Amino acid sequence: MFIPEKVKNNKQQILLLMNATCGRDELSSTRSNEHRQLRTDGDSVGYLLLVRKEREQWMGDVIDLEADTDTTIALSHITVESLYLVVVNSLQLAEQCREFMDVATPMVDLFSPQMSCHQIISDSLTDLKKEAMDLRQAIVMEIESIGDNLYPHVHSDLDAADRASLHEQYVKTMQKCFNFGFEYHKELTRLVTGPAQQREELSKGLVTFAQHWMHFVIGEE
């Protein structure tokens, strides 16, 4: 991703352009006034250039940014066939294209004057979150199944030494399963930042999973 020199020191505008690339334009209340000012500041409009990655190493300035989870995921799903020029508002497109073509002609030809990736990116991110939530449910069910299958053998009619060894393996296995489950839920809370209904479903699922863990711990005391 590349930007014109005039906005290289304006990280808020760059983040705004990145959000526009992903079809996201929601702004936090704490920054809304600053972003509105950026939208009206002609010297800060600029554009974002997405170029297919080549083998050549970039030797110019590099800007480090911290984007949120949704933006990071969405950007990772964008495939660039040649070159995309992104602006925040479609009204800025013609002017920014002319500005870019002034320095890029004759190396670049403009063949698609305007397109939108909003719906594609939004649908892709929604599908990813749904699949991640479905996987969460599958993981929880599998952990419960492992416990249900192992527990009867721990208390089967075996001699004391075998029973103790089997119980130790059972505890270690369930601890690893629960550790993995909690790690997955931790990462999932970073991904699921969308509708309140989905976040509520995740919260209830996490509480239920924690209760299963507590029952396991209490049962092994």
Protein backbone atom coordinates (compact mmCIF):
# COMPACT_ATOMS: atom_id res chain seq x y z
CA MET A 1 0.00 0.00 0.00
CA PHE A 2 1.25 3.45 -0.93
CA ILE A 3 0.13 7.01 -0.22
CA PRO A 4 1.09 10.42 -1.65
CA GLU A 5 3.71 12.34 0.28
CA LYS A 6 1.28 15.06 1.33
CA VAL A 7 -0.56 12.72 3.73
CA LYS A 8 2.34 10.59 4.99
CA ASN A 9 2.37 12.39 8.36
CA ASN A 10 -1.41 12.23 8.77
CA LYS A 11 -2.00 8.77 10.26
CA GLN A 12 -5.68 9.41 10.96
CA GLN A 13 -6.33 10.13 7.30
CA ILE A 14 -4.38 7.01 6.29
CA LEU A 15 -6.50 4.89 8.67
CA LEU A 16 -9.60 6.48 7.18
CA LEU A 17 -8.42 5.46 3.71
CA MET A 18 -7.72 1.93 4.95
CA ASN A 19 -11.23 1.70 6.39
CA ALA A 20 -12.64 2.92 3.07
CA THR A 21 -10.66 0.19 1.31
CA CYS A 22 -12.40 -2.38 3.52
CA GLY A 23 -15.84 -0.88 3.09
CA ARG A 24 -15.82 0.45 6.63
CA ASP A 25 -16.64 4.05 7.48
CA GLU A 26 -17.74 3.83 11.10
CA LEU A 27 -15.79 6.23 13.30
CA SER A 28 -15.49 6.25 17.05
CA SER A 29 -17.20 9.09 18.90
CA THR A 30 -13.90 10.27 20.36
CA ARG A 31 -12.45 10.86 16.90
CA SER A 32 -15.50 11.85 14.91
CA ASN A 33 -14.82 15.60 15.03
CA GLU A 34 -11.21 15.10 13.94
CA HIS A 35 -12.25 12.84 11.07
CA ARG A 36 -14.91 15.29 9.91
CA GLN A 37 -12.21 17.95 9.79
CA LEU A 38 -10.01 15.59 7.74
CA ARG A 39 -12.83 15.05 5.26
CA THR A 40 -13.10 18.78 4.57
CA ASP A 41 -9.39 19.56 4.52
CA GLY A 42 -8.41 19.59 0.86
CA ASP A 43 -4.72 19.29 1.62
CA SER A 44 -5.28 16.06 3.54
CA VAL A 45 -7.61 14.18 1.21
CA GLY A 46 -5.08 12.06 -0.66
CA TYR A 47 -5.54 8.51 -1.85
CA LEU A 48 -4.39 5.00 -1.03
CA LEU A 49 -2.70 2.92 -3.70
CA LEU A 50 -2.89 -0.87 -3.56
CA VAL A 51 -0.32 -2.62 -5.74
CA ARG A 52 0.23 -6.32 -6.32
CA LYS A 53 3.25 -7.41 -4.31
CA GLU A 54 6.34 -8.02 -6.39
CA ARG A 55 9.78 -9.34 -5.57
CA GLU A 56 11.41 -5.91 -5.52
CA GLN A 57 12.21 -4.52 -2.07
CA TRP A 58 10.70 -1.11 -1.26
CA MET A 59 13.45 1.38 -0.48
CA GLY A 60 11.30 4.39 0.46
CA ASP A 61 9.76 5.52 3.76
CA VAL A 62 7.66 3.03 5.72
CA ILE A 63 4.78 4.09 7.99
CA ASP A 64 3.73 1.86 10.90
CA LEU A 65 0.02 1.85 11.73
CA GLU A 66 -2.13 -0.04 14.23
CA ALA A 67 -5.42 -0.95 12.56
CA ASP A 68 -8.27 -2.64 14.43
CA THR A 69 -9.10 -6.34 14.01
CA ASP A 70 -11.86 -5.93 11.42
CA THR A 71 -9.71 -3.74 9.19
CA THR A 72 -6.72 -6.09 9.45
CA ILE A 73 -8.81 -9.13 8.53
CA ALA A 74 -10.60 -7.34 5.72
CA LEU A 75 -7.33 -6.12 4.19
CA SER A 76 -5.94 -9.66 4.26
CA HIS A 77 -8.87 -10.80 2.07
CA ILE A 78 -8.29 -8.24 -0.68
CA THR A 79 -6.67 -9.60 -3.82
CA VAL A 80 -4.98 -7.02 -6.02
CA GLU A 81 -4.65 -8.05 -9.66
CA SER A 82 -2.77 -4.96 -10.76
CA LEU A 83 -3.35 -1.61 -9.07
CA TYR A 84 -6.23 -0.06 -7.11
CA LEU A 85 -6.58 3.62 -6.19
CA VAL A 86 -8.82 4.19 -3.17
CA VAL A 87 -10.44 7.40 -1.96
CA VAL A 88 -12.70 8.05 1.02
CA ASN A 89 -15.50 9.66 -0.96
CA SER A 90 -16.52 8.97 -4.55
CA LEU A 91 -16.72 12.73 -5.15
CA GLN A 92 -12.94 12.87 -4.67
CA LEU A 93 -12.21 10.08 -7.14
CA ALA A 94 -11.91 12.07 -10.38
CA GLU A 95 -9.61 14.69 -8.84
CA GLN A 96 -7.39 12.14 -7.09
CA CYS A 97 -7.18 10.01 -10.25
CA ARG A 98 -5.99 13.02 -12.21
CA GLU A 99 -3.42 13.79 -9.53
CA PHE A 100 -2.13 10.22 -9.63
CA MET A 101 -2.14 9.97 -13.43
CA ASP A 102 -0.12 13.18 -13.67
CA VAL A 103 2.81 11.36 -12.09
CA ALA A 104 2.08 7.81 -13.30
CA THR A 105 1.43 8.35 -17.03
CA PRO A 106 2.51 6.70 -19.33
CA MET A 107 3.42 3.79 -17.02
CA VAL A 108 -0.19 3.22 -15.92
CA ASP A 109 -3.42 3.02 -17.90
CA LEU A 110 -6.78 3.53 -16.20
CA PHE A 111 -9.20 0.83 -17.40
CA SER A 112 -11.89 0.76 -14.68
CA PRO A 113 -12.98 4.27 -13.68
CA GLN A 114 -14.89 3.28 -10.53
CA MET A 115 -15.78 0.19 -8.47
CA SER A 116 -16.74 -0.69 -4.91
CA CYS A 117 -15.49 -3.51 -2.70
CA HIS A 118 -17.77 -2.66 0.24
CA GLN A 119 -20.27 -5.49 -0.10
CA ILE A 120 -17.69 -8.13 -1.03
CA ILE A 121 -15.52 -7.35 1.99
CA SER A 122 -18.50 -7.05 4.32
CA ASP A 123 -19.92 -10.40 3.22
CA SER A 124 -16.52 -12.08 3.51
CA LEU A 125 -15.99 -10.78 7.05
CA THR A 126 -19.51 -11.76 8.10
CA ASP A 127 -19.00 -15.29 6.76
CA LEU A 128 -15.65 -15.57 8.55
CA LYS A 129 -17.19 -14.57 11.90
CA LYS A 130 -20.06 -17.02 11.45
CA GLU A 131 -17.69 -19.86 10.61
CA ALA A 132 -15.53 -18.98 13.61
CA MET A 133 -18.59 -19.07 15.89
CA ASP A 134 -19.68 -22.41 14.43
CA LEU A 135 -16.18 -23.77 15.04
CA ARG A 136 -16.38 -22.56 18.65
CA GLN A 137 -19.50 -24.63 19.19
CA ALA A 138 -17.87 -27.67 17.56
CA ILE A 139 -14.78 -27.33 19.78
CA VAL A 140 -16.87 -27.12 22.95
CA MET A 141 -18.93 -30.17 21.96
CA GLU A 142 -15.78 -32.13 21.14
CA ILE A 143 -14.19 -31.29 24.50
CA GLU A 144 -17.36 -32.43 26.28
CA SER A 145 -17.34 -35.63 24.22
CA ILE A 146 -13.70 -36.35 25.12
CA GLY A 147 -14.51 -35.94 28.81
CA ASP A 148 -17.60 -38.13 28.58
CA ASN A 149 -15.65 -40.87 26.80
CA LEU A 150 -12.65 -40.85 29.13
CA TYR A 151 -14.35 -40.42 32.50
CA PRO A 152 -16.01 -43.89 32.74
CA HIS A 153 -12.68 -45.61 32.10
CA VAL A 154 -11.09 -43.71 34.99
CA HIS A 155 -13.51 -45.37 37.41
CA SER A 156 -13.62 -48.76 35.72
CA ASP A 157 -12.81 -52.03 37.44
CA LEU A 158 -9.01 -51.76 37.32
CA ASP A 159 -6.34 -52.22 39.95
CA ALA A 160 -5.26 -49.16 41.88
CA ALA A 161 -2.03 -48.53 39.90
CA ASP A 162 -3.73 -48.67 36.51
CA ARG A 163 -6.60 -46.53 37.73
CA ALA A 164 -4.20 -43.89 39.08
CA SER A 165 -2.23 -43.81 35.82
CA LEU A 166 -5.40 -43.55 33.74
CA HIS A 167 -6.74 -40.79 35.98
CA GLU A 168 -3.52 -38.81 35.57
CA GLN A 169 -3.75 -39.07 31.79
CA TYR A 170 -7.41 -38.07 31.91
CA VAL A 171 -6.64 -34.93 33.94
CA LYS A 172 -3.75 -33.91 31.67
CA THR A 173 -5.84 -34.45 28.54
CA MET A 174 -8.78 -32.42 29.85
CA GLN A 175 -6.48 -29.62 31.03
CA LYS A 176 -4.98 -29.35 27.54
CA CYS A 177 -8.47 -29.36 26.00
CA PHE A 178 -9.72 -26.59 28.29
CA ASN A 179 -6.55 -24.54 27.76
CA PHE A 180 -7.06 -24.76 24.00
CA GLY A 181 -10.73 -23.88 24.41
CA PHE A 182 -9.99 -20.76 26.44
CA GLU A 183 -7.30 -19.64 24.00
CA TYR A 184 -9.74 -20.01 21.11
CA HIS A 185 -12.40 -18.01 22.97
CA LYS A 186 -9.80 -15.33 23.74
CA GLU A 187 -8.94 -14.92 20.05
CA LEU A 188 -12.61 -15.07 19.10
CA THR A 189 -13.45 -12.11 21.33
CA ARG A 190 -10.98 -10.07 19.26
CA LEU A 191 -12.65 -11.13 16.02
CA VAL A 192 -16.32 -10.81 16.96
CA THR A 193 -16.83 -7.06 17.18
CA GLY A 194 -19.99 -6.82 15.12
CA PRO A 195 -23.70 -7.06 16.01
CA ALA A 196 -24.68 -7.12 19.69
CA GLN A 197 -26.56 -10.40 19.18
CA GLN A 198 -23.39 -12.18 18.06
CA ARG A 199 -21.35 -10.73 20.92
CA GLU A 200 -24.07 -11.77 23.38
CA GLU A 201 -24.01 -15.30 21.96
CA LEU A 202 -20.23 -15.43 22.39
CA SER A 203 -20.42 -14.11 25.96
CA LYS A 204 -23.01 -16.72 26.97
CA GLY A 205 -20.97 -19.45 25.27
CA LEU A 206 -17.84 -18.38 27.14
CA VAL A 207 -19.68 -18.40 30.48
CA THR A 208 -21.05 -21.88 29.78
CA PHE A 209 -17.59 -23.14 28.82
CA ALA A 210 -16.11 -21.65 32.00
CA GLN A 211 -18.80 -23.44 34.03
CA HIS A 212 -17.80 -26.76 32.42
CA TRP A 213 -14.21 -26.06 33.42
CA MET A 214 -15.21 -25.24 37.00
CA HIS A 215 -17.20 -28.46 37.27
CA PHE A 216 -14.15 -30.36 36.05
CA VAL A 217 -11.85 -28.65 38.57
CA ILE A 218 -14.24 -29.16 41.48
CA GLY A 219 -14.73 -32.80 40.52
CA GLU A 220 -10.99 -33.44 40.59
CA GLU A 221 -10.33 -31.81 43.96
